[in-house]
Amino acid sequence: MKHLVQKQIQQSIATLEAVLADAQLSDTLVTIGKLTADAMRSGHKLLVAGNGGSAADAQHLVAEFVVRFTVNRPALRAIALTTDSSILTAAGNDFGFDHIFSRQIEALGQPGDVFLGISTSGNSPNILKALHQAKKMNITTVGFSGNNGGLMRSLCDHNIIIPSSVTANIQESHLALEHIFCMLVECFTFGSDFGKNPQI
């Protein structure tokens, strides 16, 4: 069993090392950090959605923006589309599960917002429909995926694609990069020296 533990940790490390070695991925993360900060400064917001573990990621990330990440600072505008059980069940019942996020984007989204869709496979139907809706409304689309990006790849203005097909490792890397994404938005919003002495 100890061997199993060590093997899984090594696999996680190997995935993160592949992420670290991908300079384009780092550049893309900086780009989406800046464009999200610019959107928030101009009165717009970040919308985030995912399924299962990625739904938990969406809520986790939004909590970092709205409450705090490393230090106390003004709240930043972000909404997780995974949290309202009445909306989710009504949309799922009346229109189908594939529409649970696109319906909310139609209601809450505005041109100039940013939509971040999270899907380890890159093929979640409700994320794909949400991306289509966002593009119709002139909302910037960002995808966090794995498996070469799946069908999401061509629908996103910006892609963070984890070089793995293992769901757990993709999710682990997603969370690490989501934390960095939030940190970048803070730095672009409040200045590059912001958070140099984090109180986590």
N, C-alpha and C. Protein backbone atom coordinates (compact mmCIF):
# COMPACT_ATOMS: atom_id res chain seq x y z
N MET A 1 0.82 -1.22 0.00
CA MET A 1 0.00 0.00 0.00
C MET A 1 0.86 1.27 0.00
N LYS A 2 1.99 1.21 0.71
CA LYS A 2 2.89 2.36 0.70
C LYS A 2 3.38 2.63 -0.72
N HIS A 3 3.62 1.57 -1.48
CA HIS A 3 4.05 1.71 -2.87
C HIS A 3 2.98 2.43 -3.69
N LEU A 4 1.70 2.10 -3.43
CA LEU A 4 0.60 2.75 -4.13
C LEU A 4 0.58 4.24 -3.84
N VAL A 5 0.76 4.58 -2.57
CA VAL A 5 0.78 6.00 -2.18
C VAL A 5 1.89 6.73 -2.92
N GLN A 6 3.08 6.16 -2.90
CA GLN A 6 4.22 6.83 -3.51
C GLN A 6 4.06 6.93 -5.03
N LYS A 7 3.48 5.89 -5.64
CA LYS A 7 3.25 5.90 -7.08
C LYS A 7 2.29 7.02 -7.47
N GLN A 8 1.20 7.18 -6.69
CA GLN A 8 0.22 8.22 -7.01
C GLN A 8 0.78 9.61 -6.80
N ILE A 9 1.59 9.79 -5.77
CA ILE A 9 2.22 11.09 -5.54
C ILE A 9 3.18 11.41 -6.68
N GLN A 10 3.94 10.41 -7.11
CA GLN A 10 4.88 10.62 -8.20
C GLN A 10 4.15 10.98 -9.50
N GLN A 11 3.01 10.36 -9.72
CA GLN A 11 2.22 10.66 -10.92
C GLN A 11 1.70 12.10 -10.88
N SER A 12 1.27 12.54 -9.69
CA SER A 12 0.83 13.93 -9.54
C SER A 12 1.97 14.90 -9.81
N ILE A 13 3.13 14.58 -9.26
CA ILE A 13 4.30 15.45 -9.45
C ILE A 13 4.69 15.50 -10.93
N ALA A 14 4.65 14.34 -11.59
CA ALA A 14 5.02 14.29 -13.01
C ALA A 14 4.08 15.16 -13.85
N THR A 15 2.80 15.15 -13.52
CA THR A 15 1.85 15.98 -14.26
C THR A 15 2.14 17.46 -14.04
N LEU A 16 2.39 17.84 -12.79
CA LEU A 16 2.70 19.25 -12.51
C LEU A 16 4.03 19.66 -13.14
N GLU A 17 4.98 18.74 -13.21
CA GLU A 17 6.25 19.06 -13.87
C GLU A 17 6.03 19.31 -15.36
N ALA A 18 5.13 18.53 -15.96
CA ALA A 18 4.80 18.76 -17.39
C ALA A 18 4.13 20.10 -17.57
N VAL A 19 3.27 20.48 -16.63
CA VAL A 19 2.63 21.80 -16.67
C VAL A 19 3.69 22.90 -16.55
N LEU A 20 4.61 22.72 -15.61
CA LEU A 20 5.68 23.70 -15.40
C LEU A 20 6.54 23.87 -16.64
N ALA A 21 6.77 22.79 -17.37
CA ALA A 21 7.64 22.83 -18.55
C ALA A 21 6.97 23.48 -19.76
N ASP A 22 5.67 23.69 -19.70
CA ASP A 22 4.91 24.25 -20.82
C ASP A 22 4.85 25.77 -20.70
N ALA A 23 5.77 26.44 -21.37
CA ALA A 23 5.86 27.90 -21.27
C ALA A 23 4.61 28.57 -21.81
N GLN A 24 4.01 28.00 -22.86
CA GLN A 24 2.80 28.57 -23.44
C GLN A 24 1.66 28.57 -22.43
N LEU A 25 1.58 27.52 -21.65
CA LEU A 25 0.53 27.42 -20.64
C LEU A 25 0.68 28.55 -19.61
N SER A 26 1.92 28.78 -19.18
CA SER A 26 2.16 29.87 -18.22
C SER A 26 1.80 31.22 -18.82
N ASP A 27 2.18 31.43 -20.09
CA ASP A 27 1.84 32.68 -20.77
C ASP A 27 0.32 32.87 -20.84
N THR A 28 -0.39 31.77 -21.14
CA THR A 28 -1.85 31.85 -21.24
C THR A 28 -2.46 32.19 -19.90
N LEU A 29 -1.93 31.62 -18.84
CA LEU A 29 -2.46 31.90 -17.50
C LEU A 29 -2.29 33.38 -17.16
N VAL A 30 -1.15 33.95 -17.50
CA VAL A 30 -0.93 35.39 -17.27
C VAL A 30 -1.91 36.21 -18.10
N THR A 31 -2.12 35.79 -19.34
CA THR A 31 -3.05 36.51 -20.22
C THR A 31 -4.46 36.53 -19.65
N ILE A 32 -4.95 35.36 -19.19
CA ILE A 32 -6.32 35.33 -18.66
C ILE A 32 -6.40 36.04 -17.31
N GLY A 33 -5.30 36.05 -16.56
CA GLY A 33 -5.30 36.82 -15.32
C GLY A 33 -5.48 38.30 -15.59
N LYS A 34 -4.76 38.81 -16.60
CA LYS A 34 -4.86 40.23 -16.94
C LYS A 34 -6.23 40.58 -17.51
N LEU A 35 -6.73 39.75 -18.42
CA LEU A 35 -8.01 40.10 -19.04
C LEU A 35 -9.15 40.01 -18.02
N THR A 36 -9.04 39.10 -17.06
CA THR A 36 -10.07 39.01 -16.01
C THR A 36 -9.99 40.22 -15.09
N ALA A 37 -8.78 40.62 -14.73
CA ALA A 37 -8.62 41.83 -13.90
C ALA A 37 -9.16 43.05 -14.63
N ASP A 38 -8.85 43.17 -15.91
CA ASP A 38 -9.36 44.30 -16.70
C ASP A 38 -10.89 44.29 -16.74
N ALA A 39 -11.48 43.10 -16.92
CA ALA A 39 -12.94 43.00 -16.95
C ALA A 39 -13.53 43.44 -15.62
N MET A 40 -12.96 42.96 -14.52
CA MET A 40 -13.48 43.30 -13.20
C MET A 40 -13.34 44.79 -12.92
N ARG A 41 -12.22 45.37 -13.33
CA ARG A 41 -12.01 46.81 -13.10
C ARG A 41 -13.01 47.65 -13.88
N SER A 42 -13.50 47.12 -14.99
CA SER A 42 -14.44 47.88 -15.81
C SER A 42 -15.90 47.56 -15.45
N GLY A 43 -16.11 46.89 -14.32
CA GLY A 43 -17.47 46.63 -13.84
C GLY A 43 -18.05 45.31 -14.27
N HIS A 44 -17.24 44.46 -14.91
CA HIS A 44 -17.72 43.16 -15.35
C HIS A 44 -17.32 42.09 -14.34
N LYS A 45 -17.57 40.83 -14.66
CA LYS A 45 -17.41 39.77 -13.67
C LYS A 45 -16.92 38.48 -14.32
N LEU A 46 -16.53 37.56 -13.44
CA LEU A 46 -16.12 36.22 -13.82
C LEU A 46 -17.24 35.25 -13.48
N LEU A 47 -17.64 34.42 -14.45
CA LEU A 47 -18.62 33.36 -14.25
C LEU A 47 -17.88 32.04 -14.39
N VAL A 48 -18.14 31.08 -13.49
CA VAL A 48 -17.39 29.82 -13.49
C VAL A 48 -18.33 28.64 -13.34
N ALA A 49 -18.07 27.56 -14.09
CA ALA A 49 -18.91 26.37 -14.00
C ALA A 49 -18.10 25.11 -14.28
N GLY A 50 -18.55 24.02 -13.68
CA GLY A 50 -17.97 22.70 -13.92
C GLY A 50 -18.88 21.65 -13.31
N ASN A 51 -18.57 20.40 -13.53
CA ASN A 51 -19.37 19.28 -13.02
C ASN A 51 -18.56 18.46 -12.01
N GLY A 52 -19.24 17.92 -11.01
CA GLY A 52 -18.57 17.04 -10.06
C GLY A 52 -17.44 17.72 -9.33
N GLY A 53 -16.24 17.14 -9.41
CA GLY A 53 -15.08 17.77 -8.77
C GLY A 53 -14.80 19.14 -9.35
N SER A 54 -15.10 19.32 -10.62
CA SER A 54 -14.90 20.64 -11.25
C SER A 54 -15.93 21.66 -10.78
N ALA A 55 -17.11 21.18 -10.35
CA ALA A 55 -18.09 22.08 -9.72
C ALA A 55 -17.54 22.59 -8.39
N ALA A 56 -16.91 21.67 -7.64
CA ALA A 56 -16.29 22.07 -6.39
C ALA A 56 -15.17 23.07 -6.65
N ASP A 57 -14.40 22.86 -7.72
CA ASP A 57 -13.35 23.81 -8.10
C ASP A 57 -13.94 25.18 -8.40
N ALA A 58 -15.06 25.20 -9.14
CA ALA A 58 -15.70 26.46 -9.50
C ALA A 58 -16.06 27.25 -8.24
N GLN A 59 -16.67 26.55 -7.28
CA GLN A 59 -17.08 27.21 -6.03
C GLN A 59 -15.87 27.64 -5.21
N HIS A 60 -14.87 26.79 -5.15
CA HIS A 60 -13.64 27.09 -4.42
C HIS A 60 -12.99 28.36 -4.99
N LEU A 61 -12.83 28.38 -6.32
CA LEU A 61 -12.19 29.53 -6.96
C LEU A 61 -12.96 30.81 -6.74
N VAL A 62 -14.28 30.75 -6.89
CA VAL A 62 -15.11 31.94 -6.70
C VAL A 62 -15.02 32.45 -5.26
N ALA A 63 -14.95 31.53 -4.31
CA ALA A 63 -14.80 31.95 -2.91
C ALA A 63 -13.51 32.73 -2.70
N GLU A 64 -12.43 32.32 -3.39
CA GLU A 64 -11.16 33.04 -3.27
C GLU A 64 -11.29 34.47 -3.78
N PHE A 65 -12.04 34.65 -4.87
CA PHE A 65 -12.23 35.99 -5.43
C PHE A 65 -13.13 36.85 -4.55
N VAL A 66 -14.26 36.30 -4.13
CA VAL A 66 -15.25 37.10 -3.42
C VAL A 66 -14.82 37.39 -1.98
N VAL A 67 -14.16 36.44 -1.34
CA VAL A 67 -13.81 36.62 0.08
C VAL A 67 -12.36 37.07 0.22
N ARG A 68 -11.43 36.19 -0.01
CA ARG A 68 -10.00 36.51 0.04
C ARG A 68 -9.21 35.32 -0.44
N PHE A 69 -7.96 35.58 -0.86
CA PHE A 69 -7.06 34.48 -1.19
C PHE A 69 -5.87 34.51 -0.26
N THR A 70 -4.92 35.42 -0.50
CA THR A 70 -3.74 35.46 0.35
C THR A 70 -3.84 36.51 1.46
N VAL A 71 -4.45 37.64 1.16
CA VAL A 71 -4.55 38.73 2.15
C VAL A 71 -5.91 39.40 2.01
N ASN A 72 -6.28 40.16 3.02
CA ASN A 72 -7.53 40.91 2.95
C ASN A 72 -7.42 42.01 1.89
N ARG A 73 -8.47 42.15 1.08
CA ARG A 73 -8.53 43.19 0.05
C ARG A 73 -9.99 43.31 -0.37
N PRO A 74 -10.33 44.32 -1.19
CA PRO A 74 -11.72 44.45 -1.63
C PRO A 74 -12.19 43.19 -2.36
N ALA A 75 -13.46 42.89 -2.23
CA ALA A 75 -14.04 41.72 -2.90
C ALA A 75 -13.97 41.90 -4.41
N LEU A 76 -13.80 40.78 -5.12
CA LEU A 76 -13.75 40.78 -6.58
C LEU A 76 -14.97 40.04 -7.13
N ARG A 77 -15.52 40.55 -8.23
CA ARG A 77 -16.80 40.05 -8.76
C ARG A 77 -16.65 38.70 -9.45
N ALA A 78 -17.25 37.68 -8.86
CA ALA A 78 -17.22 36.34 -9.44
C ALA A 78 -18.45 35.57 -8.97
N ILE A 79 -18.98 34.72 -9.85
CA ILE A 79 -20.17 33.92 -9.54
C ILE A 79 -19.93 32.48 -9.99
N ALA A 80 -20.19 31.53 -9.09
CA ALA A 80 -20.18 30.11 -9.46
C ALA A 80 -21.58 29.73 -9.92
N LEU A 81 -21.69 29.14 -11.09
CA LEU A 81 -23.00 28.77 -11.65
C LEU A 81 -23.43 27.37 -11.19
N THR A 82 -22.78 26.86 -10.17
CA THR A 82 -23.01 25.48 -9.71
C THR A 82 -23.75 25.40 -8.38
N THR A 83 -24.20 26.54 -7.86
CA THR A 83 -24.60 26.56 -6.45
C THR A 83 -26.09 26.70 -6.16
N ASP A 84 -26.87 27.19 -7.10
CA ASP A 84 -28.29 27.45 -6.84
C ASP A 84 -29.11 26.21 -7.21
N SER A 85 -29.51 25.44 -6.21
CA SER A 85 -30.19 24.16 -6.48
C SER A 85 -31.53 24.35 -7.17
N SER A 86 -32.22 25.44 -6.89
CA SER A 86 -33.51 25.68 -7.56
C SER A 86 -33.31 25.94 -9.05
N ILE A 87 -32.33 26.77 -9.39
CA ILE A 87 -32.05 27.04 -10.81
C ILE A 87 -31.57 25.76 -11.50
N LEU A 88 -30.66 25.04 -10.87
CA LEU A 88 -30.09 23.84 -11.50
C LEU A 88 -31.16 22.79 -11.76
N THR A 89 -32.04 22.58 -10.77
CA THR A 89 -33.07 21.55 -10.95
C THR A 89 -34.18 22.00 -11.88
N ALA A 90 -34.52 23.29 -11.85
CA ALA A 90 -35.55 23.79 -12.77
C ALA A 90 -35.05 23.74 -14.21
N ALA A 91 -33.84 24.20 -14.44
CA ALA A 91 -33.29 24.17 -15.80
C ALA A 91 -33.12 22.73 -16.27
N GLY A 92 -32.64 21.87 -15.38
CA GLY A 92 -32.47 20.48 -15.74
C GLY A 92 -33.79 19.80 -16.06
N ASN A 93 -34.81 20.11 -15.28
CA ASN A 93 -36.13 19.51 -15.47
C ASN A 93 -36.83 20.06 -16.72
N ASP A 94 -36.78 21.37 -16.90
CA ASP A 94 -37.55 22.01 -17.97
C ASP A 94 -36.84 22.00 -19.33
N PHE A 95 -35.50 22.08 -19.30
CA PHE A 95 -34.76 22.18 -20.56
C PHE A 95 -33.77 21.05 -20.78
N GLY A 96 -33.40 20.34 -19.71
CA GLY A 96 -32.41 19.28 -19.81
C GLY A 96 -31.11 19.68 -19.14
N PHE A 97 -30.40 18.67 -18.63
CA PHE A 97 -29.17 18.92 -17.86
C PHE A 97 -28.12 19.67 -18.67
N ASP A 98 -28.14 19.49 -19.98
CA ASP A 98 -27.15 20.16 -20.82
C ASP A 98 -27.27 21.69 -20.78
N HIS A 99 -28.41 22.19 -20.29
CA HIS A 99 -28.68 23.64 -20.33
C HIS A 99 -28.54 24.33 -18.97
N ILE A 100 -28.07 23.60 -17.95
CA ILE A 100 -28.09 24.19 -16.60
C ILE A 100 -27.17 25.40 -16.46
N PHE A 101 -26.11 25.47 -17.25
CA PHE A 101 -25.20 26.61 -17.17
C PHE A 101 -25.49 27.66 -18.25
N SER A 102 -25.85 27.22 -19.44
CA SER A 102 -26.11 28.18 -20.52
C SER A 102 -27.29 29.08 -20.17
N ARG A 103 -28.29 28.52 -19.49
CA ARG A 103 -29.46 29.32 -19.09
C ARG A 103 -29.04 30.43 -18.12
N GLN A 104 -28.15 30.11 -17.21
CA GLN A 104 -27.68 31.11 -16.25
C GLN A 104 -26.82 32.17 -16.92
N ILE A 105 -26.01 31.77 -17.88
CA ILE A 105 -25.23 32.76 -18.62
C ILE A 105 -26.15 33.71 -19.36
N GLU A 106 -27.21 33.16 -19.96
CA GLU A 106 -28.18 34.00 -20.66
C GLU A 106 -28.79 35.03 -19.71
N ALA A 107 -29.06 34.61 -18.47
CA ALA A 107 -29.69 35.50 -17.48
C ALA A 107 -28.71 36.48 -16.85
N LEU A 108 -27.51 36.02 -16.52
CA LEU A 108 -26.58 36.79 -15.69
C LEU A 108 -25.42 37.41 -16.46
N GLY A 109 -25.10 36.84 -17.61
CA GLY A 109 -23.94 37.30 -18.36
C GLY A 109 -24.18 38.60 -19.10
N GLN A 110 -23.09 39.34 -19.30
CA GLN A 110 -23.13 40.58 -20.07
C GLN A 110 -21.90 40.66 -20.95
N PRO A 111 -22.00 41.31 -22.10
CA PRO A 111 -20.79 41.51 -22.91
C PRO A 111 -19.68 42.12 -22.07
N GLY A 112 -18.48 41.58 -22.18
CA GLY A 112 -17.37 42.08 -21.38
C GLY A 112 -17.05 41.21 -20.19
N ASP A 113 -17.99 40.30 -19.82
CA ASP A 113 -17.71 39.35 -18.75
C ASP A 113 -16.72 38.29 -19.23
N VAL A 114 -16.28 37.45 -18.30
CA VAL A 114 -15.41 36.31 -18.62
C VAL A 114 -16.11 35.05 -18.11
N PHE A 115 -16.20 34.03 -18.96
CA PHE A 115 -16.73 32.74 -18.53
C PHE A 115 -15.61 31.72 -18.53
N LEU A 116 -15.43 31.06 -17.37
CA LEU A 116 -14.45 29.99 -17.23
C LEU A 116 -15.18 28.67 -17.09
N GLY A 117 -15.03 27.79 -18.08
CA GLY A 117 -15.61 26.47 -18.05
C GLY A 117 -14.55 25.45 -17.70
N ILE A 118 -14.86 24.57 -16.75
CA ILE A 118 -13.90 23.56 -16.29
C ILE A 118 -14.44 22.18 -16.64
N SER A 119 -13.66 21.40 -17.38
CA SER A 119 -14.05 20.04 -17.75
C SER A 119 -12.79 19.23 -17.98
N THR A 120 -12.57 18.18 -17.18
CA THR A 120 -11.35 17.39 -17.34
C THR A 120 -11.29 16.72 -18.71
N SER A 121 -12.44 16.33 -19.24
CA SER A 121 -12.47 15.68 -20.55
C SER A 121 -12.45 16.69 -21.69
N GLY A 122 -12.92 17.91 -21.40
CA GLY A 122 -13.09 18.90 -22.46
C GLY A 122 -14.34 18.68 -23.28
N ASN A 123 -15.19 17.74 -22.84
CA ASN A 123 -16.35 17.35 -23.65
C ASN A 123 -17.68 17.40 -22.89
N SER A 124 -17.73 18.01 -21.71
CA SER A 124 -18.97 18.05 -20.94
C SER A 124 -20.03 18.82 -21.71
N PRO A 125 -21.16 18.20 -22.06
CA PRO A 125 -22.16 18.87 -22.89
C PRO A 125 -22.67 20.19 -22.32
N ASN A 126 -22.86 20.25 -20.98
CA ASN A 126 -23.38 21.50 -20.43
C ASN A 126 -22.33 22.62 -20.45
N ILE A 127 -21.06 22.27 -20.39
CA ILE A 127 -20.02 23.28 -20.53
C ILE A 127 -19.93 23.74 -21.99
N LEU A 128 -20.06 22.80 -22.92
CA LEU A 128 -20.04 23.17 -24.35
C LEU A 128 -21.18 24.12 -24.69
N LYS A 129 -22.38 23.84 -24.18
CA LYS A 129 -23.52 24.73 -24.45
C LYS A 129 -23.30 26.09 -23.78
N ALA A 130 -22.72 26.09 -22.59
CA ALA A 130 -22.42 27.35 -21.92
C ALA A 130 -21.43 28.17 -22.72
N LEU A 131 -20.43 27.52 -23.30
CA LEU A 131 -19.45 28.23 -24.12
C LEU A 131 -20.11 28.82 -25.37
N HIS A 132 -20.99 28.05 -26.00
CA HIS A 132 -21.72 28.57 -27.16
C HIS A 132 -22.53 29.81 -26.79
N GLN A 133 -23.22 29.75 -25.64
CA GLN A 133 -24.04 30.88 -25.20
C GLN A 133 -23.16 32.09 -24.90
N ALA A 134 -22.05 31.86 -24.23
CA ALA A 134 -21.14 32.96 -23.90
C ALA A 134 -20.63 33.65 -25.17
N LYS A 135 -20.26 32.86 -26.16
CA LYS A 135 -19.75 33.45 -27.40
C LYS A 135 -20.81 34.28 -28.11
N LYS A 136 -22.06 33.81 -28.04
CA LYS A 136 -23.17 34.57 -28.64
C LYS A 136 -23.31 35.94 -28.01
N MET A 137 -22.96 36.04 -26.72
CA MET A 137 -23.17 37.26 -25.95
C MET A 137 -21.91 38.12 -25.83
N ASN A 138 -20.87 37.78 -26.60
CA ASN A 138 -19.61 38.53 -26.56
C ASN A 138 -18.97 38.48 -25.18
N ILE A 139 -19.03 37.32 -24.57
CA ILE A 139 -18.38 37.04 -23.29
C ILE A 139 -17.10 36.27 -23.58
N THR A 140 -15.99 36.71 -23.05
CA THR A 140 -14.72 36.01 -23.25
C THR A 140 -14.79 34.61 -22.66
N THR A 141 -14.32 33.62 -23.41
CA THR A 141 -14.41 32.23 -22.97
C THR A 141 -13.03 31.66 -22.66
N VAL A 142 -12.95 31.04 -21.48
CA VAL A 142 -11.71 30.41 -21.02
C VAL A 142 -12.03 28.97 -20.67
N GLY A 143 -11.19 28.03 -21.08
CA GLY A 143 -11.40 26.63 -20.76
C GLY A 143 -10.25 26.07 -19.96
N PHE A 144 -10.57 25.36 -18.88
CA PHE A 144 -9.60 24.55 -18.15
C PHE A 144 -9.98 23.10 -18.43
N SER A 145 -9.10 22.36 -19.08
CA SER A 145 -9.42 21.00 -19.49
C SER A 145 -8.19 20.12 -19.41
N GLY A 146 -8.34 18.88 -19.92
CA GLY A 146 -7.24 17.94 -20.11
C GLY A 146 -7.51 17.22 -21.42
N ASN A 147 -6.90 16.05 -21.59
CA ASN A 147 -7.22 15.22 -22.77
C ASN A 147 -7.16 16.00 -24.08
N ASN A 148 -6.13 16.82 -24.25
CA ASN A 148 -5.94 17.62 -25.46
C ASN A 148 -7.03 18.66 -25.70
N GLY A 149 -7.83 18.94 -24.68
CA GLY A 149 -8.81 20.02 -24.77
C GLY A 149 -10.19 19.61 -25.23
N GLY A 150 -10.32 18.42 -25.81
CA GLY A 150 -11.63 17.94 -26.25
C GLY A 150 -12.31 18.94 -27.18
N LEU A 151 -13.64 18.89 -27.17
CA LEU A 151 -14.43 19.78 -28.02
C LEU A 151 -14.41 21.23 -27.54
N MET A 152 -14.05 21.43 -26.25
CA MET A 152 -13.97 22.78 -25.71
C MET A 152 -12.91 23.62 -26.42
N ARG A 153 -11.88 22.95 -26.85
CA ARG A 153 -10.69 23.67 -27.34
C ARG A 153 -11.04 24.73 -28.37
N SER A 154 -11.87 24.37 -29.33
CA SER A 154 -12.18 25.31 -30.42
C SER A 154 -13.21 26.36 -30.01
N LEU A 155 -13.86 26.18 -28.86
CA LEU A 155 -14.88 27.12 -28.40
C LEU A 155 -14.33 28.17 -27.44
N CYS A 156 -13.10 27.98 -27.01
CA CYS A 156 -12.53 28.87 -25.99
C CYS A 156 -11.57 29.87 -26.63
N ASP A 157 -11.67 31.12 -26.18
CA ASP A 157 -10.71 32.12 -26.61
C ASP A 157 -9.33 31.83 -26.05
N HIS A 158 -9.31 31.23 -24.86
CA HIS A 158 -8.06 30.90 -24.17
C HIS A 158 -8.21 29.53 -23.53
N ASN A 159 -7.19 28.68 -23.69
CA ASN A 159 -7.24 27.32 -23.16
C ASN A 159 -6.09 27.03 -22.21
N ILE A 160 -6.44 26.45 -21.07
CA ILE A 160 -5.46 25.85 -20.17
C ILE A 160 -5.71 24.34 -20.24
N ILE A 161 -4.83 23.63 -20.95
CA ILE A 161 -5.03 22.20 -21.18
C ILE A 161 -3.93 21.43 -20.44
N ILE A 162 -4.33 20.65 -19.46
CA ILE A 162 -3.37 19.86 -18.69
C ILE A 162 -2.93 18.67 -19.53
N PRO A 163 -1.63 18.43 -19.67
CA PRO A 163 -1.13 17.34 -20.50
C PRO A 163 -1.26 15.98 -19.81
N SER A 164 -2.50 15.53 -19.65
CA SER A 164 -2.78 14.26 -18.97
C SER A 164 -4.16 13.78 -19.38
N SER A 165 -4.37 12.48 -19.27
CA SER A 165 -5.71 11.90 -19.48
C SER A 165 -6.25 11.30 -18.19
N VAL A 166 -5.54 11.50 -17.08
CA VAL A 166 -5.95 10.97 -15.78
C VAL A 166 -6.74 12.04 -15.04
N THR A 167 -8.01 11.77 -14.80
CA THR A 167 -8.91 12.79 -14.22
C THR A 167 -8.36 13.38 -12.94
N ALA A 168 -7.90 12.55 -12.02
CA ALA A 168 -7.41 13.04 -10.73
C ALA A 168 -6.24 13.99 -10.91
N ASN A 169 -5.31 13.63 -11.80
CA ASN A 169 -4.13 14.48 -12.00
C ASN A 169 -4.50 15.78 -12.70
N ILE A 170 -5.46 15.73 -13.62
CA ILE A 170 -5.94 16.95 -14.27
C ILE A 170 -6.55 17.88 -13.22
N GLN A 171 -7.39 17.32 -12.34
CA GLN A 171 -8.04 18.13 -11.31
C GLN A 171 -7.02 18.75 -10.36
N GLU A 172 -6.00 17.97 -9.98
CA GLU A 172 -4.96 18.50 -9.08
C GLU A 172 -4.23 19.68 -9.71
N SER A 173 -3.91 19.54 -10.99
CA SER A 173 -3.23 20.64 -11.69
C SER A 173 -4.17 21.83 -11.88
N HIS A 174 -5.44 21.56 -12.18
CA HIS A 174 -6.41 22.64 -12.30
C HIS A 174 -6.42 23.48 -11.03
N LEU A 175 -6.51 22.82 -9.88
CA LEU A 175 -6.61 23.57 -8.62
C LEU A 175 -5.37 24.42 -8.39
N ALA A 176 -4.20 23.86 -8.65
CA ALA A 176 -2.97 24.64 -8.48
C ALA A 176 -2.98 25.88 -9.37
N LEU A 177 -3.40 25.71 -10.62
CA LEU A 177 -3.41 26.83 -11.56
C LEU A 177 -4.54 27.81 -11.26
N GLU A 178 -5.66 27.32 -10.73
CA GLU A 178 -6.75 28.23 -10.33
C GLU A 178 -6.30 29.14 -9.21
N HIS A 179 -5.53 28.61 -8.27
CA HIS A 179 -4.99 29.46 -7.20
C HIS A 179 -4.06 30.53 -7.79
N ILE A 180 -3.20 30.12 -8.71
CA ILE A 180 -2.29 31.09 -9.33
C ILE A 180 -3.06 32.12 -10.14
N PHE A 181 -4.09 31.67 -10.84
CA PHE A 181 -4.97 32.57 -11.60
C PHE A 181 -5.53 33.66 -10.69
N CYS A 182 -6.04 33.26 -9.54
CA CYS A 182 -6.58 34.25 -8.59
C CYS A 182 -5.49 35.21 -8.13
N MET A 183 -4.31 34.67 -7.85
CA MET A 183 -3.19 35.52 -7.43
C MET A 183 -2.82 36.53 -8.51
N LEU A 184 -2.81 36.08 -9.76
CA LEU A 184 -2.50 36.98 -10.87
C LEU A 184 -3.53 38.10 -10.98
N VAL A 185 -4.81 37.75 -10.86
CA VAL A 185 -5.86 38.78 -10.92
C VAL A 185 -5.66 39.80 -9.80
N GLU A 186 -5.34 39.33 -8.61
CA GLU A 186 -5.07 40.24 -7.50
C GLU A 186 -3.91 41.17 -7.83
N CYS A 187 -2.83 40.61 -8.37
CA CYS A 187 -1.65 41.43 -8.69
C CYS A 187 -1.96 42.46 -9.77
N PHE A 188 -2.69 42.04 -10.82
CA PHE A 188 -3.04 42.98 -11.88
C PHE A 188 -4.03 44.04 -11.40
N THR A 189 -4.85 43.69 -10.42
CA THR A 189 -5.86 44.63 -9.92
C THR A 189 -5.29 45.60 -8.90
N PHE A 190 -4.46 45.09 -7.99
CA PHE A 190 -4.01 45.91 -6.86
C PHE A 190 -2.54 46.28 -6.92
N GLY A 191 -1.82 45.84 -7.95
CA GLY A 191 -0.41 46.17 -8.09
C GLY A 191 0.47 44.94 -7.95
N SER A 192 1.60 44.96 -8.63
CA SER A 192 2.47 43.78 -8.69
C SER A 192 3.07 43.41 -7.34
N ASP A 193 3.13 44.36 -6.40
CA ASP A 193 3.69 44.05 -5.08
C ASP A 193 2.65 43.45 -4.14
N PHE A 194 1.41 43.39 -4.61
CA PHE A 194 0.32 42.91 -3.76
C PHE A 194 0.56 41.46 -3.37
N GLY A 195 0.38 41.18 -2.08
CA GLY A 195 0.44 39.80 -1.61
C GLY A 195 1.82 39.20 -1.53
N LYS A 196 2.89 40.05 -1.51
CA LYS A 196 4.24 39.48 -1.42
C LYS A 196 4.49 38.80 -0.09
N ASN A 197 3.74 39.20 0.92
CA ASN A 197 3.84 38.55 2.22
C ASN A 197 2.49 37.94 2.59
N PRO A 198 2.09 36.89 1.89
CA PRO A 198 0.75 36.33 2.10
C PRO A 198 0.56 35.78 3.49
N GLN A 199 -0.64 35.97 4.00
CA GLN A 199 -1.04 35.42 5.30
C GLN A 199 -2.05 34.30 5.05
N ILE A 200 -1.58 33.16 4.62
CA ILE A 200 -2.48 32.06 4.29
C ILE A 200 -2.70 31.19 5.52
